[in-house]
Amino acid sequence: MTNTARLTIVAVVLFGLAALPVASPLAWAQDASQWQTAPHTAARLIAGAMVKTPAAALLRAGIEIKLEPGWKTYWRDPGDSGVPPTFDFSGSGNVKAAAVLWPAPEKFPDGAGGNSIGYVDHVILPLQVAPDDAGKPSALRLKLGYAICGTLCLPVEADLKLTLSGNGGEDAAIERAQLRVPRRVPLGPGQALAIVAVHRQPGNGHDRVIVDVAAAPGAPVDLFVEGPTPDWSLPLPTVVGGDGAQRRFAFDLDGLPAGAKADGAMLTFTAVSGDDAIEVAARLD
């Protein structure tokens, strides 16, 4: 066989290989970043679709955290102990803003007589990314800090990067996580799960806040409360009465930062019952 014939065969083979539908590294990068592992945990970014509304175009993405069995990480309000995650998106390109959404958390003992609030095993925190130019890909970069706790507590840092084109393959997983984000509803009755009323009562040393929650009879309910700024450290509400379709929770108005006033403060309540969760803002009068 002549050299010319050999070259012709090689060219045909290479052309055929080039025509095969193989996934490029960029295509993979648009679905998810590499896992960054640490002892007992791993984290990555995942990409979803672009969602267009009359007001804006948003890219869906998510922060996915895996934990070994028995390990936990924390919500934006960690409860009696723990550290909330931190997010730094400042190294991103073509990103105007990135908003973190929080799926409904759960309560678990912190090992010191109190309770922490967060997630076990696995969580996806959905992201809503607003690009500067919706016609171009966005280079999302996140410096993530989070704490995990098992038999001991450890700080974790991850530096995550992902190109978002609006065609990410993890959209279904992000959407499932987004369905777990509490719905924002007004104070008052009218829904199967509702925060019906918030009352303030004088107490010994600290005023006491009473919260009435409507839920399906017999269904478990967790209630969490946050102050107007993260430096408020309010106690976890506890059940003090009620049965059937209405439960009564209470907590002492303690843990305010120095100089803060309770009068007129806007509190955020999150109620979780089974697969349903709501978020309600209520002014403390």
C-alpha atoms as a PDB file:
ATOM      1  CA  MET A   1       0.000   0.000   0.000  1.00  0.00           C
ATOM      2  CA  THR A   2       1.357   3.384  -0.949  1.00  0.00           C
ATOM      3  CA  ASN A   3       1.898   6.189   1.561  1.00  0.00           C
ATOM      4  CA  THR A   4      -0.807   8.174  -0.222  1.00  0.00           C
ATOM      5  CA  ALA A   5      -3.315   5.374   0.287  1.00  0.00           C
ATOM      6  CA  ARG A   6      -2.385   5.029   3.961  1.00  0.00           C
ATOM      7  CA  LEU A   7      -2.895   8.798   4.504  1.00  0.00           C
ATOM      8  CA  THR A   8      -6.256   8.602   2.771  1.00  0.00           C
ATOM      9  CA  ILE A   9      -7.424   5.800   5.095  1.00  0.00           C
ATOM     10  CA  VAL A  10      -6.217   7.685   8.205  1.00  0.00           C
ATOM     11  CA  ALA A  11      -8.035  10.826   7.058  1.00  0.00           C
ATOM     12  CA  VAL A  12     -11.277   8.900   6.535  1.00  0.00           C
ATOM     13  CA  VAL A  13     -11.021   7.295  10.014  1.00  0.00           C
ATOM     14  CA  LEU A  14     -10.334  10.638  11.687  1.00  0.00           C
ATOM     15  CA  PHE A  15     -13.225  12.258   9.860  1.00  0.00           C
ATOM     16  CA  GLY A  16     -15.532   9.478  11.030  1.00  0.00           C
ATOM     17  CA  LEU A  17     -14.378   9.838  14.632  1.00  0.00           C
ATOM     18  CA  ALA A  18     -14.895  13.574  14.480  1.00  0.00           C
ATOM     19  CA  ALA A  19     -18.471  13.032  13.345  1.00  0.00           C
ATOM     20  CA  LEU A  20     -19.364  10.835  16.337  1.00  0.00           C
ATOM     21  CA  PRO A  21     -21.644  12.508  18.953  1.00  0.00           C
ATOM     22  CA  VAL A  22     -19.235  12.745  21.869  1.00  0.00           C
ATOM     23  CA  ALA A  23     -19.712  15.103  24.810  1.00  0.00           C
ATOM     24  CA  SER A  24     -17.184  17.895  24.881  1.00  0.00           C
ATOM     25  CA  PRO A  25     -15.536  18.994  28.151  1.00  0.00           C
ATOM     26  CA  LEU A  26     -17.482  22.277  27.893  1.00  0.00           C
ATOM     27  CA  ALA A  27     -20.784  20.381  27.670  1.00  0.00           C
ATOM     28  CA  TRP A  28     -19.944  18.467  30.807  1.00  0.00           C
ATOM     29  CA  ALA A  29     -18.858  21.686  32.531  1.00  0.00           C
ATOM     30  CA  GLN A  30     -22.282  23.184  31.826  1.00  0.00           C
ATOM     31  CA  ASP A  31     -23.974  20.381  33.786  1.00  0.00           C
ATOM     32  CA  ALA A  32     -21.843  20.357  36.931  1.00  0.00           C
ATOM     33  CA  SER A  33     -18.481  21.332  38.337  1.00  0.00           C
ATOM     34  CA  GLN A  34     -16.105  18.761  39.749  1.00  0.00           C
ATOM     35  CA  TRP A  35     -16.867  17.594  43.272  1.00  0.00           C
ATOM     36  CA  GLN A  36     -14.587  19.231  45.841  1.00  0.00           C
ATOM     37  CA  THR A  37     -14.125  16.742  48.614  1.00  0.00           C
ATOM     38  CA  ALA A  38     -13.218  17.145  52.258  1.00  0.00           C
ATOM     39  CA  PRO A  39     -13.430  14.669  55.134  1.00  0.00           C
ATOM     40  CA  HIS A  40     -17.069  13.494  55.469  1.00  0.00           C
ATOM     41  CA  THR A  41     -18.449  15.810  52.739  1.00  0.00           C
ATOM     42  CA  ALA A  42     -18.248  17.020  49.142  1.00  0.00           C
ATOM     43  CA  ALA A  43     -19.668  20.031  47.292  1.00  0.00           C
ATOM     44  CA  ARG A  44     -20.179  21.090  43.690  1.00  0.00           C
ATOM     45  CA  LEU A  45     -22.128  23.528  41.495  1.00  0.00           C
ATOM     46  CA  ILE A  46     -24.827  22.262  39.140  1.00  0.00           C
ATOM     47  CA  ALA A  47     -26.446  24.058  36.199  1.00  0.00           C
ATOM     48  CA  GLY A  48     -30.028  24.236  34.999  1.00  0.00           C
ATOM     49  CA  ALA A  49     -32.092  26.125  32.466  1.00  0.00           C
ATOM     50  CA  MET A  50     -32.642  29.794  31.800  1.00  0.00           C
ATOM     51  CA  VAL A  51     -35.998  31.117  33.002  1.00  0.00           C
ATOM     52  CA  LYS A  52     -37.292  34.228  31.250  1.00  0.00           C
ATOM     53  CA  THR A  53     -39.918  36.511  32.751  1.00  0.00           C
ATOM     54  CA  PRO A  54     -41.168  39.921  31.595  1.00  0.00           C
ATOM     55  CA  ALA A  55     -38.902  41.493  34.208  1.00  0.00           C
ATOM     56  CA  ALA A  56     -35.665  39.525  33.787  1.00  0.00           C
ATOM     57  CA  ALA A  57     -33.842  36.459  32.520  1.00  0.00           C
ATOM     58  CA  LEU A  58     -32.512  34.200  35.284  1.00  0.00           C
ATOM     59  CA  LEU A  59     -30.176  31.220  35.092  1.00  0.00           C
ATOM     60  CA  ARG A  60     -31.035  28.332  37.399  1.00  0.00           C
ATOM     61  CA  ALA A  61     -28.147  26.698  39.215  1.00  0.00           C
ATOM     62  CA  GLY A  62     -27.547  24.986  42.536  1.00  0.00           C
ATOM     63  CA  ILE A  63     -25.044  24.304  45.289  1.00  0.00           C
ATOM     64  CA  GLU A  64     -25.058  20.559  45.967  1.00  0.00           C
ATOM     65  CA  ILE A  65     -23.618  19.277  49.252  1.00  0.00           C
ATOM     66  CA  LYS A  66     -23.238  15.585  50.126  1.00  0.00           C
ATOM     67  CA  LEU A  67     -22.631  14.379  53.671  1.00  0.00           C
ATOM     68  CA  GLU A  68     -21.618  11.023  55.063  1.00  0.00           C
ATOM     69  CA  PRO A  69     -24.283   9.247  57.178  1.00  0.00           C
ATOM     70  CA  GLY A  70     -24.600  10.881  60.595  1.00  0.00           C
ATOM     71  CA  TRP A  71     -23.188  14.239  59.463  1.00  0.00           C
ATOM     72  CA  LYS A  72     -25.132  17.497  59.238  1.00  0.00           C
ATOM     73  CA  THR A  73     -24.733  21.012  57.887  1.00  0.00           C
ATOM     74  CA  TYR A  74     -26.583  24.215  58.722  1.00  0.00           C
ATOM     75  CA  TRP A  75     -29.423  26.447  57.556  1.00  0.00           C
ATOM     76  CA  ARG A  76     -29.140  30.250  57.288  1.00  0.00           C
ATOM     77  CA  ASP A  77     -30.130  30.334  61.002  1.00  0.00           C
ATOM     78  CA  PRO A  78     -28.225  27.456  62.629  1.00  0.00           C
ATOM     79  CA  GLY A  79     -30.292  27.342  65.830  1.00  0.00           C
ATOM     80  CA  ASP A  80     -28.770  26.946  69.284  1.00  0.00           C
ATOM     81  CA  SER A  81     -25.342  26.104  67.858  1.00  0.00           C
ATOM     82  CA  GLY A  82     -23.593  25.892  64.520  1.00  0.00           C
ATOM     83  CA  VAL A  83     -22.434  28.222  61.757  1.00  0.00           C
ATOM     84  CA  PRO A  84     -24.457  29.225  58.670  1.00  0.00           C
ATOM     85  CA  PRO A  85     -22.875  28.839  55.210  1.00  0.00           C
ATOM     86  CA  THR A  86     -21.110  31.782  53.567  1.00  0.00           C
ATOM     87  CA  PHE A  87     -21.142  32.583  49.835  1.00  0.00           C
ATOM     88  CA  ASP A  88     -18.730  34.757  47.855  1.00  0.00           C
ATOM     89  CA  PHE A  89     -19.590  35.147  44.159  1.00  0.00           C
ATOM     90  CA  SER A  90     -17.265  38.106  43.578  1.00  0.00           C
ATOM     91  CA  GLY A  91     -14.976  36.210  41.170  1.00  0.00           C
ATOM     92  CA  SER A  92     -17.811  35.478  38.727  1.00  0.00           C
ATOM     93  CA  GLY A  93     -18.056  36.818  35.166  1.00  0.00           C
ATOM     94  CA  ASN A  94     -21.224  38.099  33.470  1.00  0.00           C
ATOM     95  CA  VAL A  95     -23.085  37.795  36.780  1.00  0.00           C
ATOM     96  CA  LYS A  96     -25.061  40.774  38.051  1.00  0.00           C
ATOM     97  CA  ALA A  97     -26.413  38.984  41.123  1.00  0.00           C
ATOM     98  CA  ALA A  98     -26.769  35.491  42.581  1.00  0.00           C
ATOM     99  CA  ALA A  99     -29.531  34.738  45.078  1.00  0.00           C
ATOM    100  CA  VAL A 100     -29.404  31.637  47.309  1.00  0.00           C
ATOM    101  CA  LEU A 101     -32.717  29.890  48.039  1.00  0.00           C
ATOM    102  CA  TRP A 102     -33.147  27.729  51.137  1.00  0.00           C
ATOM    103  CA  PRO A 103     -35.118  24.472  51.111  1.00  0.00           C
ATOM    104  CA  ALA A 104     -37.076  23.736  54.273  1.00  0.00           C
ATOM    105  CA  PRO A 105     -34.658  22.620  57.021  1.00  0.00           C
ATOM    106  CA  GLU A 106     -35.122  20.232  59.901  1.00  0.00           C
ATOM    107  CA  LYS A 107     -34.330  20.372  63.601  1.00  0.00           C
ATOM    108  CA  PHE A 108     -31.856  18.005  65.253  1.00  0.00           C
ATOM    109  CA  PRO A 109     -30.172  17.763  68.704  1.00  0.00           C
ATOM    110  CA  ASP A 110     -26.862  19.612  68.893  1.00  0.00           C
ATOM    111  CA  GLY A 111     -25.356  17.295  71.537  1.00  0.00           C
ATOM    112  CA  ALA A 112     -25.240  20.066  74.145  1.00  0.00           C
ATOM    113  CA  GLY A 113     -28.875  20.064  75.266  1.00  0.00           C
ATOM    114  CA  GLY A 114     -30.134  22.348  72.502  1.00  0.00           C
ATOM    115  CA  ASN A 115     -31.222  22.001  68.900  1.00  0.00           C
ATOM    116  CA  SER A 116     -29.625  23.001  65.624  1.00  0.00           C
ATOM    117  CA  ILE A 117     -31.338  23.681  62.305  1.00  0.00           C
ATOM    118  CA  GLY A 118     -30.073  22.374  58.995  1.00  0.00           C
ATOM    119  CA  TYR A 119     -29.763  19.429  56.657  1.00  0.00           C
ATOM    120  CA  VAL A 120     -28.634  15.810  56.852  1.00  0.00           C
ATOM    121  CA  ASP A 121     -27.192  13.490  54.184  1.00  0.00           C
ATOM    122  CA  HIS A 122     -27.690  15.700  51.115  1.00  0.00           C
ATOM    123  CA  VAL A 123     -28.991  19.121  50.107  1.00  0.00           C
ATOM    124  CA  ILE A 124     -29.215  21.280  46.980  1.00  0.00           C
ATOM    125  CA  LEU A 125     -29.431  25.031  47.611  1.00  0.00           C
ATOM    126  CA  PRO A 126     -31.032  26.494  44.460  1.00  0.00           C
ATOM    127  CA  LEU A 127     -29.455  29.587  42.919  1.00  0.00           C
ATOM    128  CA  GLN A 128     -31.084  32.293  40.825  1.00  0.00           C
ATOM    129  CA  VAL A 129     -28.327  33.915  38.769  1.00  0.00           C
ATOM    130  CA  ALA A 130     -28.997  37.205  36.974  1.00  0.00           C
ATOM    131  CA  PRO A 131     -26.513  37.732  34.099  1.00  0.00           C
ATOM    132  CA  ASP A 132     -25.345  41.137  32.915  1.00  0.00           C
ATOM    133  CA  ASP A 133     -25.899  39.974  29.325  1.00  0.00           C
ATOM    134  CA  ALA A 134     -28.443  37.175  28.890  1.00  0.00           C
ATOM    135  CA  GLY A 135     -27.087  36.442  25.411  1.00  0.00           C
ATOM    136  CA  LYS A 136     -23.707  35.304  26.727  1.00  0.00           C
ATOM    137  CA  PRO A 137     -22.643  32.441  29.056  1.00  0.00           C
ATOM    138  CA  SER A 138     -21.969  33.306  32.684  1.00  0.00           C
ATOM    139  CA  ALA A 139     -18.848  32.128  34.500  1.00  0.00           C
ATOM    140  CA  LEU A 140     -20.069  31.376  38.015  1.00  0.00           C
ATOM    141  CA  ARG A 141     -17.396  31.213  40.702  1.00  0.00           C
ATOM    142  CA  LEU A 142     -18.266  30.533  44.327  1.00  0.00           C
ATOM    143  CA  LYS A 143     -16.060  30.557  47.375  1.00  0.00           C
ATOM    144  CA  LEU A 144     -18.196  28.471  49.712  1.00  0.00           C
ATOM    145  CA  GLY A 145     -17.699  28.149  53.442  1.00  0.00           C
ATOM    146  CA  TYR A 146     -19.804  25.747  55.487  1.00  0.00           C
ATOM    147  CA  ALA A 147     -19.618  23.747  58.694  1.00  0.00           C
ATOM    148  CA  ILE A 148     -20.400  20.075  59.179  1.00  0.00           C
ATOM    149  CA  CYS A 149     -21.041  18.236  62.410  1.00  0.00           C
ATOM    150  CA  GLY A 150     -21.032  14.567  63.330  1.00  0.00           C
ATOM    151  CA  THR A 151     -19.142  13.307  66.346  1.00  0.00           C
ATOM    152  CA  LEU A 152     -17.243  16.604  66.062  1.00  0.00           C
ATOM    153  CA  CYS A 153     -17.652  19.813  64.035  1.00  0.00           C
ATOM    154  CA  LEU A 154     -15.411  20.837  61.136  1.00  0.00           C
ATOM    155  CA  PRO A 155     -15.180  23.949  58.951  1.00  0.00           C
ATOM    156  CA  VAL A 156     -15.096  23.310  55.181  1.00  0.00           C
ATOM    157  CA  GLU A 157     -14.085  25.577  52.299  1.00  0.00           C
ATOM    158  CA  ALA A 158     -14.622  24.978  48.581  1.00  0.00           C
ATOM    159  CA  ASP A 159     -13.718  27.045  45.506  1.00  0.00           C
ATOM    160  CA  LEU A 160     -16.229  26.094  42.809  1.00  0.00           C
ATOM    161  CA  LYS A 161     -16.431  27.174  39.145  1.00  0.00           C
ATOM    162  CA  LEU A 162     -19.038  26.477  36.488  1.00  0.00           C
ATOM    163  CA  THR A 163     -20.020  27.903  33.103  1.00  0.00           C
ATOM    164  CA  LEU A 164     -23.756  28.583  32.842  1.00  0.00           C
ATOM    165  CA  SER A 165     -25.253  28.652  29.358  1.00  0.00           C
ATOM    166  CA  GLY A 166     -28.910  28.131  30.231  1.00  0.00           C
ATOM    167  CA  ASN A 167     -28.844  24.544  28.942  1.00  0.00           C
ATOM    168  CA  GLY A 168     -27.609  22.708  32.037  1.00  0.00           C
ATOM    169  CA  GLY A 169     -28.681  19.116  32.463  1.00  0.00           C
ATOM    170  CA  GLU A 170     -29.402  19.283  36.223  1.00  0.00           C
ATOM    171  CA  ASP A 171     -32.569  21.356  35.908  1.00  0.00           C
ATOM    172  CA  ALA A 172     -34.856  18.590  37.230  1.00  0.00           C
ATOM    173  CA  ALA A 173     -32.803  18.211  40.437  1.00  0.00           C
ATOM    174  CA  ILE A 174     -32.749  21.982  40.950  1.00  0.00           C
ATOM    175  CA  GLU A 175     -36.501  22.204  40.414  1.00  0.00           C
ATOM    176  CA  ARG A 176     -37.133  19.441  42.981  1.00  0.00           C
ATOM    177  CA  ALA A 177     -35.032  21.353  45.521  1.00  0.00           C
ATOM    178  CA  GLN A 178     -36.857  24.571  44.668  1.00  0.00           C
ATOM    179  CA  LEU A 179     -40.185  22.903  45.432  1.00  0.00           C
ATOM    180  CA  ARG A 180     -38.894  22.442  48.993  1.00  0.00           C
ATOM    181  CA  VAL A 181     -38.266  26.187  49.420  1.00  0.00           C
ATOM    182  CA  PRO A 182     -40.958  27.573  51.779  1.00  0.00           C
ATOM    183  CA  ARG A 183     -43.760  29.495  50.053  1.00  0.00           C
ATOM    184  CA  ARG A 184     -44.063  33.126  51.116  1.00  0.00           C
ATOM    185  CA  VAL A 185     -47.602  33.698  52.376  1.00  0.00           C
ATOM    186  CA  PRO A 186     -49.271  36.402  54.481  1.00  0.00           C
ATOM    187  CA  LEU A 187     -49.997  36.129  58.174  1.00  0.00           C
ATOM    188  CA  GLY A 188     -53.455  34.732  58.877  1.00  0.00           C
ATOM    189  CA  PRO A 189     -55.703  31.700  58.277  1.00  0.00           C
ATOM    190  CA  GLY A 190     -56.931  30.377  54.969  1.00  0.00           C
ATOM    191  CA  GLN A 191     -54.471  27.607  54.045  1.00  0.00           C
ATOM    192  CA  ALA A 192     -53.867  24.036  55.173  1.00  0.00           C
ATOM    193  CA  LEU A 193     -50.578  25.181  56.709  1.00  0.00           C
ATOM    194  CA  ALA A 194     -50.775  28.736  58.068  1.00  0.00           C
ATOM    195  CA  ILE A 195     -49.367  30.975  60.775  1.00  0.00           C
ATOM    196  CA  VAL A 196     -52.655  32.279  62.099  1.00  0.00           C
ATOM    197  CA  ALA A 197     -51.562  34.849  64.686  1.00  0.00           C
ATOM    198  CA  VAL A 198     -48.555  36.231  66.556  1.00  0.00           C
ATOM    199  CA  HIS A 199     -49.021  37.736  70.033  1.00  0.00           C
ATOM    200  CA  ARG A 200     -46.600  39.360  72.448  1.00  0.00           C
ATOM    201  CA  GLN A 201     -47.112  38.881  76.190  1.00  0.00           C
ATOM    202  CA  PRO A 202     -45.268  40.366  79.183  1.00  0.00           C
ATOM    203  CA  GLY A 203     -42.984  37.898  80.921  1.00  0.00           C
ATOM    204  CA  ASN A 204     -40.468  37.623  83.746  1.00  0.00           C
ATOM    205  CA  GLY A 205     -37.274  39.249  82.481  1.00  0.00           C
ATOM    206  CA  HIS A 206     -38.235  38.892  78.815  1.00  0.00           C
ATOM    207  CA  ASP A 207     -41.484  39.275  76.960  1.00  0.00           C
ATOM    208  CA  ARG A 208     -42.921  36.084  75.494  1.00  0.00           C
ATOM    209  CA  VAL A 209     -44.104  35.618  71.904  1.00  0.00           C
ATOM    210  CA  ILE A 210     -47.033  33.288  71.246  1.00  0.00           C
ATOM    211  CA  VAL A 211     -47.542  31.887  67.720  1.00  0.00           C
ATOM    212  CA  ASP A 212     -50.641  29.979  66.592  1.00  0.00           C
ATOM    213  CA  VAL A 213     -50.083  27.601  63.659  1.00  0.00           C
ATOM    214  CA  ALA A 214     -52.771  25.768  61.679  1.00  0.00           C
ATOM    215  CA  ALA A 215     -51.831  22.385  60.190  1.00  0.00           C
ATOM    216  CA  ALA A 216     -53.388  19.050  59.299  1.00  0.00           C
ATOM    217  CA  PRO A 217     -54.550  17.211  62.449  1.00  0.00           C
ATOM    218  CA  GLY A 218     -51.854  14.881  63.711  1.00  0.00           C
ATOM    219  CA  ALA A 219     -49.200  16.151  61.279  1.00  0.00           C
ATOM    220  CA  PRO A 220     -45.820  17.067  62.799  1.00  0.00           C
ATOM    221  CA  VAL A 221     -44.956  20.774  62.675  1.00  0.00           C
ATOM    222  CA  ASP A 222     -41.634  22.562  63.211  1.00  0.00           C
ATOM    223  CA  LEU A 223     -41.510  26.339  63.647  1.00  0.00           C
ATOM    224  CA  PHE A 224     -38.421  28.530  63.275  1.00  0.00           C
ATOM    225  CA  VAL A 225     -38.088  32.275  63.894  1.00  0.00           C
ATOM    226  CA  GLU A 226     -35.543  34.823  62.661  1.00  0.00           C
ATOM    227  CA  GLY A 227     -35.007  38.470  63.534  1.00  0.00           C
ATOM    228  CA  PRO A 228     -34.691  41.357  61.090  1.00  0.00           C
ATOM    229  CA  THR A 229     -30.890  40.905  60.888  1.00  0.00           C
ATOM    230  CA  PRO A 230     -28.656  37.799  61.245  1.00  0.00           C
ATOM    231  CA  ASP A 231     -27.205  39.024  64.561  1.00  0.00           C
ATOM    232  CA  TRP A 232     -30.526  38.384  66.289  1.00  0.00           C
ATOM    233  CA  SER A 233     -30.300  35.017  68.057  1.00  0.00           C
ATOM    234  CA  LEU A 234     -33.875  34.192  69.022  1.00  0.00           C
ATOM    235  CA  PRO A 235     -34.657  30.895  70.800  1.00  0.00           C
ATOM    236  CA  LEU A 236     -36.330  28.053  68.966  1.00  0.00           C
ATOM    237  CA  PRO A 237     -40.122  28.151  69.467  1.00  0.00           C
ATOM    238  CA  THR A 238     -41.510  25.197  71.417  1.00  0.00           C
ATOM    239  CA  VAL A 239     -45.006  23.703  71.469  1.00  0.00           C
ATOM    240  CA  VAL A 240     -46.951  24.869  74.550  1.00  0.00           C
ATOM    241  CA  GLY A 241     -50.463  23.743  73.681  1.00  0.00           C
ATOM    242  CA  GLY A 242     -53.115  23.093  71.105  1.00  0.00           C
ATOM    243  CA  ASP A 243     -54.221  19.965  69.342  1.00  0.00           C
ATOM    244  CA  GLY A 244     -56.078  18.915  66.247  1.00  0.00           C
ATOM    245  CA  ALA A 245     -55.738  21.516  63.509  1.00  0.00           C
ATOM    246  CA  GLN A 246     -54.096  24.255  65.615  1.00  0.00           C
ATOM    247  CA  ARG A 247     -50.834  24.257  67.577  1.00  0.00           C
ATOM    248  CA  ARG A 248     -49.515  26.955  69.885  1.00  0.00           C
ATOM    249  CA  PHE A 249     -45.794  27.721  70.012  1.00  0.00           C
ATOM    250  CA  ALA A 250     -43.956  30.121  72.316  1.00  0.00           C
ATOM    251  CA  PHE A 251     -40.481  31.582  72.795  1.00  0.00           C
ATOM    252  CA  ASP A 252     -38.895  34.212  75.024  1.00  0.00           C
ATOM    253  CA  LEU A 253     -37.935  37.469  73.342  1.00  0.00           C
ATOM    254  CA  ASP A 254     -34.281  36.916  74.151  1.00  0.00           C
ATOM    255  CA  GLY A 255     -31.061  37.017  72.137  1.00  0.00           C
ATOM    256  CA  LEU A 256     -31.443  40.517  70.686  1.00  0.00           C
ATOM    257  CA  PRO A 257     -28.204  42.299  69.733  1.00  0.00           C
ATOM    258  CA  ALA A 258     -27.091  45.224  71.888  1.00  0.00           C
ATOM    259  CA  GLY A 259     -29.180  48.325  71.277  1.00  0.00           C
ATOM    260  CA  ALA A 260     -31.870  46.512  69.269  1.00  0.00           C
ATOM    261  CA  LYS A 261     -35.524  47.203  70.029  1.00  0.00           C
ATOM    262  CA  ALA A 262     -38.258  44.630  69.729  1.00  0.00           C
ATOM    263  CA  ASP A 263     -41.047  47.157  69.154  1.00  0.00           C
ATOM    264  CA  GLY A 264     -41.909  47.174  65.468  1.00  0.00           C
ATOM    265  CA  ALA A 265     -39.288  44.561  64.551  1.00  0.00           C
ATOM    266  CA  MET A 266     -40.142  42.395  61.548  1.00  0.00           C
ATOM    267  CA  LEU A 267     -39.770  38.716  62.408  1.00  0.00           C
ATOM    268  CA  THR A 268     -39.671  35.900  59.856  1.00  0.00           C
ATOM    269  CA  PHE A 269     -41.412  32.641  60.750  1.00  0.00           C
ATOM    270  CA  THR A 270     -40.858  29.385  58.849  1.00  0.00           C
ATOM    271  CA  ALA A 271     -43.303  26.544  59.448  1.00  0.00           C
ATOM    272  CA  VAL A 272     -42.525  23.052  58.128  1.00  0.00           C
ATOM    273  CA  SER A 273     -45.011  20.177  58.083  1.00  0.00           C
ATOM    274  CA  GLY A 274     -44.231  17.103  56.014  1.00  0.00           C
ATOM    275  CA  ASP A 275     -43.704  18.126  52.388  1.00  0.00           C
ATOM    276  CA  ASP A 276     -45.192  21.585  52.911  1.00  0.00           C
ATOM    277  CA  ALA A 277     -43.400  24.671  54.195  1.00  0.00           C
ATOM    278  CA  ILE A 278     -44.301  28.356  54.435  1.00  0.00           C
ATOM    279  CA  GLU A 279     -42.517  31.597  55.310  1.00  0.00           C
ATOM    280  CA  VAL A 280     -44.395  34.467  56.962  1.00  0.00           C
ATOM    281  CA  ALA A 281     -43.251  37.975  57.896  1.00  0.00           C
ATOM    282  CA  ALA A 282     -44.922  39.436  61.010  1.00  0.00           C
ATOM    283  CA  ARG A 283     -44.349  42.791  62.713  1.00  0.00           C
ATOM    284  CA  LEU A 284     -43.843  42.632  66.465  1.00  0.00           C
ATOM    285  CA  ASP A 285     -46.007  45.286  68.090  1.00  0.00           C
END
